[in-house]
């Protein structure tokens, strides 16, 4: 429920409220030992923080999501975390690391047959020809992706 509110708030640009909802969802997931929800809360918080212009904090959330998703074997959330990390690196101009994470995301999404496969492939292609003006659009694009699962 709290993560759902985070999605809605994030989509409507209420980043502070969205971040708080994800923090509460994360706290509750940790309390009850719900690892999949914990991973989703980290990825959701990362997406909102990136859209809010905080790529460093977003990166920390996606990194935590990736580590936990690997531990519990959740390949879909691993791919989402890689996608989020790629966005944080792309926004900050580190195209090499962005490419690295999108390649991992693409491989996982492809194996899973996930709908995100095409979008990540497009991002990899666009990375080669990107100028510097698209960073904000990229951060905002991740908010709608929070509902996928």
C-alpha atoms as a PDB file:
ATOM      1  CA  UNK A   1       0.000   0.000   0.000  1.00  0.00           C
ATOM      2  CA  UNK A   2       2.715   2.485   0.973  1.00  0.00           C
ATOM      3  CA  UNK A   3       4.777   1.619  -2.092  1.00  0.00           C
ATOM      4  CA  UNK A   4       1.666   2.189  -4.222  1.00  0.00           C
ATOM      5  CA  UNK A   5       1.303   5.644  -2.708  1.00  0.00           C
ATOM      6  CA  UNK A   6       4.958   6.228  -3.498  1.00  0.00           C
ATOM      7  CA  UNK A   7       4.300   5.413  -7.150  1.00  0.00           C
ATOM      8  CA  UNK A   8       1.344   7.797  -7.348  1.00  0.00           C
ATOM      9  CA  UNK A   9       3.175  10.609  -5.540  1.00  0.00           C
ATOM     10  CA  UNK A  10       6.239  10.106  -7.739  1.00  0.00           C
ATOM     11  CA  UNK A  11       4.173  10.201 -10.926  1.00  0.00           C
ATOM     12  CA  UNK A  12       2.599  13.450  -9.774  1.00  0.00           C
ATOM     13  CA  UNK A  13       5.930  15.061  -8.925  1.00  0.00           C
ATOM     14  CA  UNK A  14       5.470  14.925  -5.145  1.00  0.00           C
ATOM     15  CA  UNK A  15       8.940  13.512  -4.609  1.00  0.00           C
ATOM     16  CA  UNK A  16       9.280  14.249  -0.905  1.00  0.00           C
ATOM     17  CA  UNK A  17       6.017  12.476  -0.099  1.00  0.00           C
ATOM     18  CA  UNK A  18       6.879   9.619  -2.465  1.00  0.00           C
ATOM     19  CA  UNK A  19      10.280   9.164  -0.852  1.00  0.00           C
ATOM     20  CA  UNK A  20       8.705   9.096   2.621  1.00  0.00           C
ATOM     21  CA  UNK A  21       6.165   6.498   1.507  1.00  0.00           C
ATOM     22  CA  UNK A  22       8.953   4.298   0.148  1.00  0.00           C
ATOM     23  CA  UNK A  23      10.966   4.729   3.360  1.00  0.00           C
ATOM     24  CA  UNK A  24       7.960   3.622   5.386  1.00  0.00           C
ATOM     25  CA  UNK A  25       7.344   0.692   3.031  1.00  0.00           C
ATOM     26  CA  UNK A  26      11.004  -0.293   3.378  1.00  0.00           C
ATOM     27  CA  UNK A  27      10.855  -0.091   7.169  1.00  0.00           C
ATOM     28  CA  UNK A  28       7.732  -2.237   7.283  1.00  0.00           C
ATOM     29  CA  UNK A  29       9.177  -4.790   4.847  1.00  0.00           C
ATOM     30  CA  UNK A  30      12.310  -5.097   6.986  1.00  0.00           C
ATOM     31  CA  UNK A  31      10.212  -5.441  10.163  1.00  0.00           C
ATOM     32  CA  UNK A  32       8.152  -8.307   8.802  1.00  0.00           C
ATOM     33  CA  UNK A  33      10.985  -9.931   6.855  1.00  0.00           C
ATOM     34  CA  UNK A  34       9.401  -9.423   3.425  1.00  0.00           C
ATOM     35  CA  UNK A  35      12.536  -9.394   1.272  1.00  0.00           C
ATOM     36  CA  UNK A  36      10.798  -8.993  -2.119  1.00  0.00           C
ATOM     37  CA  UNK A  37       8.930  -5.913  -0.854  1.00  0.00           C
ATOM     38  CA  UNK A  38      12.175  -4.592   0.584  1.00  0.00           C
ATOM     39  CA  UNK A  39      13.810  -4.821  -2.842  1.00  0.00           C
ATOM     40  CA  UNK A  40      10.830  -3.137  -4.517  1.00  0.00           C
ATOM     41  CA  UNK A  41      10.926  -0.296  -1.970  1.00  0.00           C
ATOM     42  CA  UNK A  42      14.638   0.285  -2.615  1.00  0.00           C
ATOM     43  CA  UNK A  43      14.089   0.359  -6.385  1.00  0.00           C
ATOM     44  CA  UNK A  44      11.059   2.627  -6.027  1.00  0.00           C
ATOM     45  CA  UNK A  45      12.877   5.042  -3.738  1.00  0.00           C
ATOM     46  CA  UNK A  46      15.790   5.090  -6.163  1.00  0.00           C
ATOM     47  CA  UNK A  47      13.538   6.010  -9.076  1.00  0.00           C
ATOM     48  CA  UNK A  48      11.903   8.842  -7.142  1.00  0.00           C
ATOM     49  CA  UNK A  49      15.201  10.180  -5.841  1.00  0.00           C
ATOM     50  CA  UNK A  50      16.621  10.227  -9.354  1.00  0.00           C
ATOM     51  CA  UNK A  51      13.562  12.049 -10.687  1.00  0.00           C
ATOM     52  CA  UNK A  52      13.994  14.522  -7.822  1.00  0.00           C
ATOM     53  CA  UNK A  53      17.530  15.262  -8.994  1.00  0.00           C
ATOM     54  CA  UNK A  54      19.404  13.243  -6.370  1.00  0.00           C
ATOM     55  CA  UNK A  55      21.374  10.690  -8.399  1.00  0.00           C
ATOM     56  CA  UNK A  56      23.798   9.837  -5.587  1.00  0.00           C
ATOM     57  CA  UNK A  57      21.015   8.864  -3.200  1.00  0.00           C
ATOM     58  CA  UNK A  58      19.189   7.100  -6.025  1.00  0.00           C
ATOM     59  CA  UNK A  59      22.321   5.093  -6.776  1.00  0.00           C
ATOM     60  CA  UNK A  60      22.566   3.995  -3.136  1.00  0.00           C
ATOM     61  CA  UNK A  61      18.960   2.750  -3.207  1.00  0.00           C
ATOM     62  CA  UNK A  62      19.374   0.861  -6.486  1.00  0.00           C
ATOM     63  CA  UNK A  63      22.659  -0.640  -5.267  1.00  0.00           C
ATOM     64  CA  UNK A  64      20.932  -1.907  -2.120  1.00  0.00           C
ATOM     65  CA  UNK A  65      18.119  -3.313  -4.272  1.00  0.00           C
ATOM     66  CA  UNK A  66      20.587  -5.075  -6.552  1.00  0.00           C
ATOM     67  CA  UNK A  67      22.488  -6.670  -3.682  1.00  0.00           C
ATOM     68  CA  UNK A  68      19.332  -7.931  -1.996  1.00  0.00           C
ATOM     69  CA  UNK A  69      17.708  -9.072  -5.258  1.00  0.00           C
ATOM     70  CA  UNK A  70      20.805 -11.138  -5.975  1.00  0.00           C
ATOM     71  CA  UNK A  71      20.677 -12.690  -2.498  1.00  0.00           C
ATOM     72  CA  UNK A  72      17.045 -13.730  -2.885  1.00  0.00           C
ATOM     73  CA  UNK A  73      17.374 -14.702  -6.546  1.00  0.00           C
ATOM     74  CA  UNK A  74      14.866 -12.187  -7.921  1.00  0.00           C
ATOM     75  CA  UNK A  75      16.045 -11.671 -11.491  1.00  0.00           C
ATOM     76  CA  UNK A  76      13.311  -9.190 -12.397  1.00  0.00           C
ATOM     77  CA  UNK A  77      14.221  -6.856  -9.529  1.00  0.00           C
ATOM     78  CA  UNK A  78      17.911  -7.330 -10.356  1.00  0.00           C
ATOM     79  CA  UNK A  79      17.142  -6.096 -13.865  1.00  0.00           C
ATOM     80  CA  UNK A  80      15.147  -3.145 -12.491  1.00  0.00           C
ATOM     81  CA  UNK A  81      18.052  -2.264 -10.195  1.00  0.00           C
ATOM     82  CA  UNK A  82      20.527  -2.441 -13.088  1.00  0.00           C
ATOM     83  CA  UNK A  83      18.210  -0.210 -15.138  1.00  0.00           C
ATOM     84  CA  UNK A  84      17.991   2.283 -12.277  1.00  0.00           C
ATOM     85  CA  UNK A  85      21.746   2.269 -11.784  1.00  0.00           C
ATOM     86  CA  UNK A  86      22.246   2.821 -15.507  1.00  0.00           C
ATOM     87  CA  UNK A  87      19.981   5.861 -15.366  1.00  0.00           C
ATOM     88  CA  UNK A  88      21.910   7.327 -12.429  1.00  0.00           C
ATOM     89  CA  UNK A  89      25.188   6.900 -14.278  1.00  0.00           C
ATOM     90  CA  UNK A  90      23.796   8.280 -17.516  1.00  0.00           C
ATOM     91  CA  UNK A  91      22.399  11.350 -15.752  1.00  0.00           C
ATOM     92  CA  UNK A  92      25.809  12.035 -14.204  1.00  0.00           C
ATOM     93  CA  UNK A  93      27.631  11.498 -17.503  1.00  0.00           C
ATOM     94  CA  UNK A  94      29.309   8.163 -16.774  1.00  0.00           C
ATOM     95  CA  UNK A  95      28.266   6.436 -19.981  1.00  0.00           C
ATOM     96  CA  UNK A  96      30.609   3.488 -19.483  1.00  0.00           C
ATOM     97  CA  UNK A  97      28.954   2.452 -16.234  1.00  0.00           C
ATOM     98  CA  UNK A  98      25.522   3.208 -17.657  1.00  0.00           C
ATOM     99  CA  UNK A  99      26.252   0.862 -20.562  1.00  0.00           C
ATOM    100  CA  UNK A 100      27.535  -1.824 -18.181  1.00  0.00           C
ATOM    101  CA  UNK A 101      24.318  -1.786 -16.139  1.00  0.00           C
ATOM    102  CA  UNK A 102      22.011  -1.573 -19.147  1.00  0.00           C
ATOM    103  CA  UNK A 103      23.759  -4.565 -20.705  1.00  0.00           C
ATOM    104  CA  UNK A 104      23.056  -6.551 -17.530  1.00  0.00           C
ATOM    105  CA  UNK A 105      19.463  -5.292 -17.400  1.00  0.00           C
ATOM    106  CA  UNK A 106      18.937  -6.163 -21.050  1.00  0.00           C
ATOM    107  CA  UNK A 107      20.267  -9.692 -20.583  1.00  0.00           C
ATOM    108  CA  UNK A 108      18.002 -10.318 -17.577  1.00  0.00           C
ATOM    109  CA  UNK A 109      14.894  -8.727 -19.083  1.00  0.00           C
ATOM    110  CA  UNK A 110      15.460 -10.717 -22.302  1.00  0.00           C
ATOM    111  CA  UNK A 111      15.687 -14.037 -20.448  1.00  0.00           C
ATOM    112  CA  UNK A 112      12.531 -13.155 -18.515  1.00  0.00           C
ATOM    113  CA  UNK A 113      10.654 -11.982 -21.606  1.00  0.00           C
ATOM    114  CA  UNK A 114       9.897  -8.746 -19.757  1.00  0.00           C
ATOM    115  CA  UNK A 115       8.276  -5.811 -21.546  1.00  0.00           C
ATOM    116  CA  UNK A 116      11.156  -3.551 -20.436  1.00  0.00           C
ATOM    117  CA  UNK A 117      13.489  -5.367 -22.846  1.00  0.00           C
ATOM    118  CA  UNK A 118      12.772  -3.056 -25.779  1.00  0.00           C
ATOM    119  CA  UNK A 119      13.077   0.107 -23.694  1.00  0.00           C
ATOM    120  CA  UNK A 120      16.475  -0.898 -22.305  1.00  0.00           C
ATOM    121  CA  UNK A 121      17.678  -1.817 -25.792  1.00  0.00           C
ATOM    122  CA  UNK A 122      16.570   1.600 -26.993  1.00  0.00           C
ATOM    123  CA  UNK A 123      18.424   3.262 -24.119  1.00  0.00           C
ATOM    124  CA  UNK A 124      21.614   1.426 -25.030  1.00  0.00           C
ATOM    125  CA  UNK A 125      21.294   2.519 -28.643  1.00  0.00           C
ATOM    126  CA  UNK A 126      20.542   6.111 -27.642  1.00  0.00           C
ATOM    127  CA  UNK A 127      23.524   6.159 -25.295  1.00  0.00           C
ATOM    128  CA  UNK A 128      25.848   6.131 -28.266  1.00  0.00           C
ATOM    129  CA  UNK A 129      24.364   9.259 -29.791  1.00  0.00           C
ATOM    130  CA  UNK A 130      23.190  11.161 -26.714  1.00  0.00           C
ATOM    131  CA  UNK A 131      23.936  14.793 -26.125  1.00  0.00           C
ATOM    132  CA  UNK A 132      23.822  16.275 -22.640  1.00  0.00           C
ATOM    133  CA  UNK A 133      20.223  17.580 -22.555  1.00  0.00           C
ATOM    134  CA  UNK A 134      18.228  14.391 -22.004  1.00  0.00           C
ATOM    135  CA  UNK A 135      19.147  13.667 -18.385  1.00  0.00           C
ATOM    136  CA  UNK A 136      15.988  14.986 -16.706  1.00  0.00           C
ATOM    137  CA  UNK A 137      13.718  13.187 -19.177  1.00  0.00           C
ATOM    138  CA  UNK A 138      15.527   9.950 -18.407  1.00  0.00           C
ATOM    139  CA  UNK A 139      15.081  10.369 -14.666  1.00  0.00           C
ATOM    140  CA  UNK A 140      11.376  11.077 -15.099  1.00  0.00           C
ATOM    141  CA  UNK A 141      10.897   8.032 -17.362  1.00  0.00           C
ATOM    142  CA  UNK A 142      11.575   5.644 -14.502  1.00  0.00           C
ATOM    143  CA  UNK A 143       8.624   6.790 -12.377  1.00  0.00           C
ATOM    144  CA  UNK A 144       5.930   5.030 -14.494  1.00  0.00           C
ATOM    145  CA  UNK A 145       8.083   1.903 -14.540  1.00  0.00           C
ATOM    146  CA  UNK A 146       7.604   1.531 -10.805  1.00  0.00           C
ATOM    147  CA  UNK A 147       4.243  -0.131 -11.323  1.00  0.00           C
ATOM    148  CA  UNK A 148       5.665  -2.958 -13.437  1.00  0.00           C
ATOM    149  CA  UNK A 149       5.864  -6.270 -11.664  1.00  0.00           C
END
